[in-house]
Each structure stands twice: as C-alpha cells, then as structure tokens.
C-alpha cells in the first residue's frame, strides 16, 4: 500500500512538472493571470516602462511628495514666476572690428537754385616797381616791392614781371604774399625779386583791385 502511494505521488508530480515546463515562451498573457495575482514582488526591477502605463493611471496620490523636479514637467505646465529686479549694467566691452562699407546710397534730390552772387565792380590794376642793381660776380641781389589797393577797394590777385628779361637771364620772383587788414581782408600784395644778371633790371608788381 505504501509503495502504491509513493508511485502515485511521483506520477502526479512528474506530470505537473511536465505540464508547467511544456508552456511555450510568451504564451501566458493577461487573460491567463488572475486579477491581483501579480504584485511588486513578481515584477522585475525597471520592467514597467512609460509605454506600459495606462493614461491617467498615475494620480497625485501615487506620487511621493518632492520626488518630481522641473525637468519632469512640460514648460507649459509650470506657472510663470514674478519678474525679478533689473540687474546692474555690465562693463562696456571692447570695440569690435570695423564693419564692411555699406552700399552707396541713392543720389539725393536736386537742391533749389541759389540766389545770384554779387558781381564784382570794375577791376583796377595799380602797379609798383623797383630797380634792382646786380654787380657782376656777386651772385644775386634781392629787393621787395609792395602795392596797396585804393580806399574802398580789395585785392583779388597779383603778378610780377622783369624788364628786358631774356630766356637765359637769372631773374626770380622769390615771394608773392597778400597784405591783410585786421579783419583778414586782402588789401594789397608784396613781392620779393632776385636779380642775378650782373646788370640793372626793373622788378614790377601788378595788383588786381576791385570795389565792393
């Protein structure tokens, strides 16, 4: 009797083991499991991912206080804080390199025609001259001559000339400078001439004067 019971136990155990090991891989699904039969102990760590959680399944009561950070929220779900005070101005940075020249602008509008300028009166040409004697072998001899315009006149230009000036004669106008009054108005001219011919020559100054 005892042997029969042992044989029966072995036969039944062997059948159960064979039946369990006979399940194909991935053949046990949700329909084969009893509700509430799978708990935290039966789940492998990190085996439940976001895609396996139903929408709305996790409520505020299931979330531990202080476990969520700003990175866990969409930026549109976070309230906007109060604007802080304006910070102090930073130091001025170094000057940047010059930029490339810009394109040439369009021509501006043509301006209005100006009023006619005042015409000069009749031009008068007073002259003044000086005789400069140069001795042979002495190099050059210089002298100055000046000419002022008349009362109420102003000078606009001047020129010089030499008497009997040949192509090879050594005759120079060294300087021609205006004579100004205290207001800076040109009232006449002064000229310096140099004679290196070894003879006597006349140096003449011409001043162009006009009346305002």
Protein backbone atom coordinates (compact mmCIF):
# COMPACT_ATOMS: atom_id res chain seq x y z
CA UNK A 1 0.00 0.00 0.00
CA UNK A 2 2.81 2.38 0.87
CA UNK A 3 4.61 1.66 -2.40
CA UNK A 4 1.46 2.41 -4.37
CA UNK A 5 1.05 5.80 -2.71
CA UNK A 6 4.65 6.75 -3.41
CA UNK A 7 4.29 5.70 -7.03
CA UNK A 8 1.09 7.68 -7.33
CA UNK A 9 2.81 10.80 -5.83
CA UNK A 10 5.76 10.50 -8.18
CA UNK A 11 3.47 10.02 -11.13
CA UNK A 12 1.39 13.06 -10.27
CA UNK A 13 4.46 15.25 -9.52
CA UNK A 14 6.14 14.29 -12.72
CA UNK A 15 3.02 15.13 -14.69
CA UNK A 16 2.76 18.57 -13.05
CA UNK A 17 6.37 19.40 -13.76
CA UNK A 18 5.99 18.24 -17.33
CA UNK A 19 2.83 20.31 -17.74
CA UNK A 20 4.42 23.51 -16.43
CA UNK A 21 7.58 23.18 -18.46
CA UNK A 22 5.51 22.47 -21.55
CA UNK A 23 4.23 26.12 -21.84
CA UNK A 24 5.73 27.85 -24.92
CA UNK A 25 7.68 31.09 -24.36
CA UNK A 26 5.46 34.22 -24.07
CA UNK A 27 2.29 32.08 -24.12
CA UNK A 28 0.99 33.34 -20.73
CA UNK A 29 -0.73 36.69 -21.08
CA UNK A 30 -3.10 38.91 -19.11
CA UNK A 31 -6.08 36.59 -19.75
CA UNK A 32 -4.30 33.66 -18.13
CA UNK A 33 -3.48 35.60 -14.93
CA UNK A 34 -5.88 36.02 -12.06
CA UNK A 35 -6.67 39.62 -11.12
CA UNK A 36 -4.41 40.79 -8.29
CA UNK A 37 -2.13 37.75 -8.57
CA UNK A 38 0.87 39.76 -9.86
CA UNK A 39 2.35 42.23 -7.35
CA UNK A 40 5.55 44.20 -6.95
CA UNK A 41 7.45 41.08 -5.84
CA UNK A 42 6.62 39.27 -9.12
CA UNK A 43 7.90 42.14 -11.33
CA UNK A 44 11.50 42.50 -12.39
CA UNK A 45 13.13 45.83 -11.49
CA UNK A 46 12.61 48.55 -14.17
CA UNK A 47 10.46 46.12 -16.23
CA UNK A 48 7.45 48.51 -16.23
CA UNK A 49 8.14 51.42 -18.62
CA UNK A 50 6.13 54.52 -19.50
CA UNK A 51 4.53 52.88 -22.54
CA UNK A 52 3.05 50.11 -20.33
CA UNK A 53 1.21 52.52 -18.02
CA UNK A 54 -2.35 53.45 -19.00
CA UNK A 55 -3.22 57.12 -19.40
CA UNK A 56 -4.46 58.59 -16.12
CA UNK A 57 -3.35 55.53 -14.13
CA UNK A 58 -0.88 57.55 -12.03
CA UNK A 59 -2.57 60.20 -9.88
CA UNK A 60 -1.17 62.66 -7.35
CA UNK A 61 -1.86 60.19 -4.54
CA UNK A 62 0.61 57.73 -6.07
CA UNK A 63 3.46 60.28 -6.43
CA UNK A 64 5.78 60.80 -3.49
CA UNK A 65 6.00 64.42 -2.34
CA UNK A 66 9.19 66.14 -3.53
CA UNK A 67 10.09 63.35 -5.98
CA UNK A 68 9.37 65.42 -9.14
CA UNK A 69 11.62 68.23 -10.45
CA UNK A 70 11.11 70.89 -13.15
CA UNK A 71 12.60 68.51 -15.72
CA UNK A 72 9.61 66.16 -15.18
CA UNK A 73 7.07 68.79 -16.34
CA UNK A 74 6.25 70.34 -19.69
CA UNK A 75 7.31 74.01 -19.66
CA UNK A 76 3.69 74.99 -20.41
CA UNK A 77 2.51 73.31 -17.16
CA UNK A 78 4.76 75.38 -14.90
CA UNK A 79 3.49 78.77 -13.62
CA UNK A 80 5.44 81.88 -14.58
CA UNK A 81 7.25 83.47 -11.67
CA UNK A 82 7.31 87.15 -10.79
CA UNK A 83 9.86 89.14 -12.81
CA UNK A 84 12.91 89.96 -10.73
CA UNK A 85 14.54 93.38 -10.43
CA UNK A 86 16.75 94.68 -13.23
CA UNK A 87 20.39 93.81 -12.63
CA UNK A 88 23.20 96.34 -12.77
CA UNK A 89 24.68 97.24 -16.15
CA UNK A 90 27.74 95.23 -17.12
CA UNK A 91 31.06 96.76 -18.10
CA UNK A 92 31.48 98.14 -21.62
CA UNK A 93 33.03 95.56 -23.89
CA UNK A 94 35.95 96.24 -26.22
CA UNK A 95 35.27 97.88 -29.56
CA UNK A 96 34.65 95.42 -32.34
CA UNK A 97 36.41 95.46 -35.69
CA UNK A 98 35.15 97.94 -38.32
CA UNK A 99 32.30 96.62 -40.37
CA UNK A 100 32.35 96.32 -44.14
CA UNK A 101 31.42 99.51 -46.06
CA UNK A 102 27.75 99.67 -46.86
CA UNK A 103 26.36 100.09 -50.36
CA UNK A 104 26.37 103.53 -51.95
CA UNK A 105 23.18 105.40 -51.22
CA UNK A 106 20.86 106.75 -53.85
CA UNK A 107 21.54 110.31 -55.08
CA UNK A 108 19.70 112.94 -53.12
CA UNK A 109 17.12 115.27 -54.52
CA UNK A 110 18.38 118.25 -56.52
CA UNK A 111 18.52 121.38 -54.43
CA UNK A 112 16.91 124.66 -55.29
CA UNK A 113 18.80 127.15 -57.39
CA UNK A 114 20.64 129.66 -55.27
CA UNK A 115 20.36 133.38 -55.49
CA UNK A 116 22.71 135.10 -57.98
CA UNK A 117 26.01 136.13 -56.44
CA UNK A 118 27.09 139.73 -56.21
CA UNK A 119 29.03 140.94 -59.24
CA UNK A 120 32.45 142.45 -58.85
CA UNK A 121 32.82 146.02 -59.87
CA UNK A 122 35.37 147.25 -62.38
CA UNK A 123 38.84 145.81 -61.79
CA UNK A 124 41.74 148.26 -61.49
CA UNK A 125 45.40 147.21 -61.81
CA UNK A 126 47.74 149.56 -59.93
CA UNK A 127 51.49 148.81 -60.26
CA UNK A 128 54.68 149.46 -58.33
CA UNK A 129 58.26 148.75 -59.38
CA UNK A 130 61.78 148.82 -58.05
CA UNK A 131 65.17 148.90 -59.77
CA UNK A 132 67.48 146.13 -58.59
CA UNK A 133 71.18 146.58 -59.36
CA UNK A 134 73.30 143.44 -59.51
CA UNK A 135 77.07 143.56 -59.81
CA UNK A 136 78.93 141.02 -61.98
CA UNK A 137 80.13 138.05 -59.97
CA UNK A 138 78.07 138.98 -56.89
CA UNK A 139 75.55 136.15 -57.25
CA UNK A 140 72.01 137.55 -56.92
CA UNK A 141 70.62 140.77 -55.43
CA UNK A 142 67.13 140.78 -53.86
CA UNK A 143 64.63 143.55 -53.08
CA UNK A 144 60.96 143.91 -52.05
CA UNK A 145 58.15 145.97 -53.54
CA UNK A 146 54.56 146.45 -52.31
CA UNK A 147 51.30 147.87 -53.68
CA UNK A 148 48.03 148.60 -51.87
CA UNK A 149 44.56 148.98 -53.38
CA UNK A 150 42.74 152.30 -53.06
CA UNK A 151 40.20 153.31 -50.43
CA UNK A 152 37.06 151.11 -50.60
CA UNK A 153 38.85 148.51 -52.75
CA UNK A 154 40.04 144.98 -52.13
CA UNK A 155 42.75 142.92 -53.82
CA UNK A 156 41.92 139.61 -55.50
CA UNK A 157 45.24 138.66 -57.13
CA UNK A 158 48.70 139.89 -58.15
CA UNK A 159 51.60 139.17 -60.53
CA UNK A 160 55.16 140.30 -61.32
CA UNK A 161 57.43 140.95 -64.30
CA UNK A 162 61.04 141.93 -65.12
CA UNK A 163 62.29 144.46 -67.63
CA UNK A 164 64.33 143.13 -70.56
CA UNK A 165 64.04 139.55 -69.37
CA UNK A 166 65.87 137.18 -71.68
CA UNK A 167 65.50 133.41 -71.87
CA UNK A 168 68.81 132.82 -70.09
CA UNK A 169 68.67 135.72 -67.61
CA UNK A 170 68.79 134.79 -63.95
CA UNK A 171 65.66 136.62 -62.70
CA UNK A 172 63.37 135.28 -59.95
CA UNK A 173 60.12 136.14 -58.19
CA UNK A 174 61.12 134.85 -54.78
CA UNK A 175 57.82 135.51 -52.95
CA UNK A 176 54.37 136.95 -53.54
CA UNK A 177 52.24 137.40 -50.41
CA UNK A 178 48.96 139.22 -49.59
CA UNK A 179 48.73 142.20 -47.23
CA UNK A 180 45.80 141.79 -44.81
CA UNK A 181 43.97 144.30 -42.63
CA UNK A 182 42.94 143.50 -39.04
CA UNK A 183 39.78 141.73 -40.27
CA UNK A 184 41.78 139.43 -42.58
CA UNK A 185 40.68 141.18 -45.78
CA UNK A 186 43.28 141.28 -48.59
CA UNK A 187 44.09 144.95 -49.21
CA UNK A 188 47.24 144.60 -51.36
CA UNK A 189 50.30 142.47 -52.16
CA UNK A 190 54.03 142.45 -51.54
CA UNK A 191 56.62 140.74 -53.78
CA UNK A 192 60.31 139.85 -53.49
CA UNK A 193 62.52 139.69 -56.60
CA UNK A 194 66.09 138.45 -57.13
CA UNK A 195 68.38 139.69 -59.93
CA UNK A 196 71.39 137.56 -60.90
CA UNK A 197 72.19 139.03 -64.32
CA UNK A 198 75.10 141.23 -63.15
CA UNK A 199 73.28 144.29 -64.52
CA UNK A 200 70.43 146.63 -63.58
CA UNK A 201 66.86 145.37 -64.03
CA UNK A 202 63.40 146.68 -63.05
CA UNK A 203 61.08 144.45 -60.97
CA UNK A 204 57.35 145.34 -61.31
CA UNK A 205 54.38 144.26 -59.13
CA UNK A 206 50.79 144.23 -60.51
CA UNK A 207 47.81 144.10 -58.10
CA UNK A 208 44.22 143.45 -59.22
CA UNK A 209 41.83 145.61 -57.15
CA UNK A 210 38.03 145.77 -57.19
CA UNK A 211 35.49 148.00 -55.49
CA UNK A 212 32.70 146.44 -53.46
